């Protein structure tokens, strides 16, 4: 499963990558509930998510918002308003929406308690 480091960074482990998407999303929701001021930070400034097939549309807009970083709560609300949610944040943490993604296992953001 995922672990929390001493400084409350959500760390994606090999076990986390092996659990179902629903369980991954639940772990994200649990972390966010325990850390209401959690924040998201991109690993690289100005990044785009290479695991997206199209560089347009709702999912791309959600991804761009996630890559800007900021309040995890605000980002989740934006994602939900645009047809997404925790799954989008999880995808950025695990490197794609599917284990078949060539980026799976490579995190593009950091989720941490503020």
C-alpha atoms as a PDB file:
ATOM      1  CA  UNK A   1       0.000   0.000   0.000  1.00  0.00           C
ATOM      2  CA  UNK A   2       1.055   3.624  -0.033  1.00  0.00           C
ATOM      3  CA  UNK A   3       2.957   4.974   2.912  1.00  0.00           C
ATOM      4  CA  UNK A   4       3.369   8.331   4.541  1.00  0.00           C
ATOM      5  CA  UNK A   5       6.860   9.567   5.210  1.00  0.00           C
ATOM      6  CA  UNK A   6       7.556  11.397   8.436  1.00  0.00           C
ATOM      7  CA  UNK A   7       6.934  14.727   6.700  1.00  0.00           C
ATOM      8  CA  UNK A   8       3.554  13.437   5.420  1.00  0.00           C
ATOM      9  CA  UNK A   9       4.363  12.905   1.770  1.00  0.00           C
ATOM     10  CA  UNK A  10       2.120  10.376   0.075  1.00  0.00           C
ATOM     11  CA  UNK A  11       4.584   7.804  -1.207  1.00  0.00           C
ATOM     12  CA  UNK A  12       3.615   5.385  -3.963  1.00  0.00           C
ATOM     13  CA  UNK A  13       5.032   1.934  -3.271  1.00  0.00           C
ATOM     14  CA  UNK A  14       5.135  -1.244  -5.367  1.00  0.00           C
ATOM     15  CA  UNK A  15       2.212  -2.583  -3.321  1.00  0.00           C
ATOM     16  CA  UNK A  16       0.195   0.545  -4.086  1.00  0.00           C
ATOM     17  CA  UNK A  17       0.788   0.024  -7.808  1.00  0.00           C
ATOM     18  CA  UNK A  18      -0.592  -3.524  -7.533  1.00  0.00           C
ATOM     19  CA  UNK A  19      -3.924  -2.733  -5.850  1.00  0.00           C
ATOM     20  CA  UNK A  20      -7.103  -1.928  -7.755  1.00  0.00           C
ATOM     21  CA  UNK A  21      -7.878   1.561  -8.995  1.00  0.00           C
ATOM     22  CA  UNK A  22     -10.765   1.787  -6.520  1.00  0.00           C
ATOM     23  CA  UNK A  23      -8.425   0.964  -3.638  1.00  0.00           C
ATOM     24  CA  UNK A  24      -5.872   3.497  -4.887  1.00  0.00           C
ATOM     25  CA  UNK A  25      -8.546   6.203  -5.052  1.00  0.00           C
ATOM     26  CA  UNK A  26      -9.739   5.279  -1.564  1.00  0.00           C
ATOM     27  CA  UNK A  27      -6.178   5.655  -0.258  1.00  0.00           C
ATOM     28  CA  UNK A  28      -6.013   9.127  -1.814  1.00  0.00           C
ATOM     29  CA  UNK A  29      -9.362  10.090  -0.251  1.00  0.00           C
ATOM     30  CA  UNK A  30      -8.167   8.789   3.134  1.00  0.00           C
ATOM     31  CA  UNK A  31      -4.954  10.818   2.897  1.00  0.00           C
ATOM     32  CA  UNK A  32      -6.894  13.937   1.908  1.00  0.00           C
ATOM     33  CA  UNK A  33      -9.396  13.458   4.748  1.00  0.00           C
ATOM     34  CA  UNK A  34      -6.541  13.154   7.250  1.00  0.00           C
ATOM     35  CA  UNK A  35      -4.679  16.115   5.720  1.00  0.00           C
ATOM     36  CA  UNK A  36      -7.313  18.697   4.793  1.00  0.00           C
ATOM     37  CA  UNK A  37      -4.667  21.249   3.802  1.00  0.00           C
ATOM     38  CA  UNK A  38      -2.822  18.791   1.550  1.00  0.00           C
ATOM     39  CA  UNK A  39      -1.085  20.213  -1.484  1.00  0.00           C
ATOM     40  CA  UNK A  40       0.004  18.957  -4.867  1.00  0.00           C
ATOM     41  CA  UNK A  41       3.297  19.963  -6.440  1.00  0.00           C
ATOM     42  CA  UNK A  42       4.488  19.044  -9.938  1.00  0.00           C
ATOM     43  CA  UNK A  43       7.792  17.187 -10.146  1.00  0.00           C
ATOM     44  CA  UNK A  44       8.896  19.581 -12.912  1.00  0.00           C
ATOM     45  CA  UNK A  45       7.793  23.154 -13.548  1.00  0.00           C
ATOM     46  CA  UNK A  46       5.697  23.542 -16.709  1.00  0.00           C
ATOM     47  CA  UNK A  47       5.284  19.809 -17.236  1.00  0.00           C
ATOM     48  CA  UNK A  48       2.554  18.123 -19.221  1.00  0.00           C
ATOM     49  CA  UNK A  49       1.423  14.577 -18.640  1.00  0.00           C
ATOM     50  CA  UNK A  50       2.888  12.290 -21.314  1.00  0.00           C
ATOM     51  CA  UNK A  51       0.466   9.475 -20.502  1.00  0.00           C
ATOM     52  CA  UNK A  52      -2.465  11.392 -22.023  1.00  0.00           C
ATOM     53  CA  UNK A  53      -3.217  10.477 -25.627  1.00  0.00           C
ATOM     54  CA  UNK A  54      -4.859  13.790 -26.515  1.00  0.00           C
ATOM     55  CA  UNK A  55      -3.620  17.221 -25.619  1.00  0.00           C
ATOM     56  CA  UNK A  56      -7.135  18.671 -25.485  1.00  0.00           C
ATOM     57  CA  UNK A  57     -10.464  18.015 -23.786  1.00  0.00           C
ATOM     58  CA  UNK A  58     -11.691  17.667 -20.218  1.00  0.00           C
ATOM     59  CA  UNK A  59      -9.082  15.176 -19.052  1.00  0.00           C
ATOM     60  CA  UNK A  60      -6.293  17.340 -20.470  1.00  0.00           C
ATOM     61  CA  UNK A  61      -7.725  20.424 -18.727  1.00  0.00           C
ATOM     62  CA  UNK A  62      -7.858  18.519 -15.429  1.00  0.00           C
ATOM     63  CA  UNK A  63      -4.294  17.331 -15.966  1.00  0.00           C
ATOM     64  CA  UNK A  64      -3.095  20.859 -16.668  1.00  0.00           C
ATOM     65  CA  UNK A  65      -4.728  22.042 -13.431  1.00  0.00           C
ATOM     66  CA  UNK A  66      -3.056  19.235 -11.485  1.00  0.00           C
ATOM     67  CA  UNK A  67       0.304  20.111 -13.051  1.00  0.00           C
ATOM     68  CA  UNK A  68      -0.054  23.710 -11.854  1.00  0.00           C
ATOM     69  CA  UNK A  69      -0.049  22.409  -8.278  1.00  0.00           C
ATOM     70  CA  UNK A  70      -1.700  23.985  -5.265  1.00  0.00           C
ATOM     71  CA  UNK A  71      -4.402  22.995  -2.817  1.00  0.00           C
ATOM     72  CA  UNK A  72      -5.356  19.348  -3.312  1.00  0.00           C
ATOM     73  CA  UNK A  73      -8.909  20.140  -2.199  1.00  0.00           C
ATOM     74  CA  UNK A  74      -9.278  22.867  -4.841  1.00  0.00           C
ATOM     75  CA  UNK A  75      -7.764  20.646  -7.518  1.00  0.00           C
ATOM     76  CA  UNK A  76     -10.149  17.774  -6.682  1.00  0.00           C
ATOM     77  CA  UNK A  77     -13.105  20.190  -6.794  1.00  0.00           C
ATOM     78  CA  UNK A  78     -11.941  21.415 -10.213  1.00  0.00           C
ATOM     79  CA  UNK A  79     -11.556  17.832 -11.417  1.00  0.00           C
ATOM     80  CA  UNK A  80     -15.038  16.877 -10.195  1.00  0.00           C
ATOM     81  CA  UNK A  81     -16.582  19.949 -11.842  1.00  0.00           C
ATOM     82  CA  UNK A  82     -15.008  18.796 -15.109  1.00  0.00           C
ATOM     83  CA  UNK A  83     -15.984  15.128 -14.927  1.00  0.00           C
ATOM     84  CA  UNK A  84     -12.989  13.749 -13.050  1.00  0.00           C
ATOM     85  CA  UNK A  85     -11.871  13.361  -9.455  1.00  0.00           C
ATOM     86  CA  UNK A  86      -9.412  11.416  -7.349  1.00  0.00           C
ATOM     87  CA  UNK A  87      -8.658   9.070 -10.264  1.00  0.00           C
ATOM     88  CA  UNK A  88      -6.980  11.961 -12.080  1.00  0.00           C
ATOM     89  CA  UNK A  89      -4.760  12.727  -9.090  1.00  0.00           C
ATOM     90  CA  UNK A  90      -3.981   9.029  -8.701  1.00  0.00           C
ATOM     91  CA  UNK A  91      -3.039   8.800 -12.384  1.00  0.00           C
ATOM     92  CA  UNK A  92      -0.513  11.584 -11.892  1.00  0.00           C
ATOM     93  CA  UNK A  93       0.883   9.809  -8.843  1.00  0.00           C
ATOM     94  CA  UNK A  94       1.235   6.416 -10.561  1.00  0.00           C
ATOM     95  CA  UNK A  95       2.084   7.529 -14.088  1.00  0.00           C
ATOM     96  CA  UNK A  96      -1.092   6.845 -16.005  1.00  0.00           C
ATOM     97  CA  UNK A  97      -4.629   5.596 -15.999  1.00  0.00           C
ATOM     98  CA  UNK A  98      -3.634   2.000 -16.700  1.00  0.00           C
ATOM     99  CA  UNK A  99      -0.859  -0.370 -15.621  1.00  0.00           C
ATOM    100  CA  UNK A 100      -0.147  -0.802 -19.337  1.00  0.00           C
ATOM    101  CA  UNK A 101       0.979   2.842 -19.586  1.00  0.00           C
ATOM    102  CA  UNK A 102       4.683   2.974 -20.361  1.00  0.00           C
ATOM    103  CA  UNK A 103       4.929   5.621 -17.629  1.00  0.00           C
ATOM    104  CA  UNK A 104       3.211   3.483 -14.962  1.00  0.00           C
ATOM    105  CA  UNK A 105       5.254   3.609 -11.783  1.00  0.00           C
ATOM    106  CA  UNK A 106       6.647   7.075 -12.551  1.00  0.00           C
ATOM    107  CA  UNK A 107       5.079   9.816 -10.457  1.00  0.00           C
ATOM    108  CA  UNK A 108       4.547  13.234 -12.015  1.00  0.00           C
ATOM    109  CA  UNK A 109       3.374  15.011  -8.850  1.00  0.00           C
ATOM    110  CA  UNK A 110       3.988  15.027  -5.120  1.00  0.00           C
ATOM    111  CA  UNK A 111       1.010  14.904  -2.754  1.00  0.00           C
ATOM    112  CA  UNK A 112       1.892  16.145   0.697  1.00  0.00           C
ATOM    113  CA  UNK A 113       0.378  17.454   3.919  1.00  0.00           C
ATOM    114  CA  UNK A 114       0.771  21.175   4.455  1.00  0.00           C
END
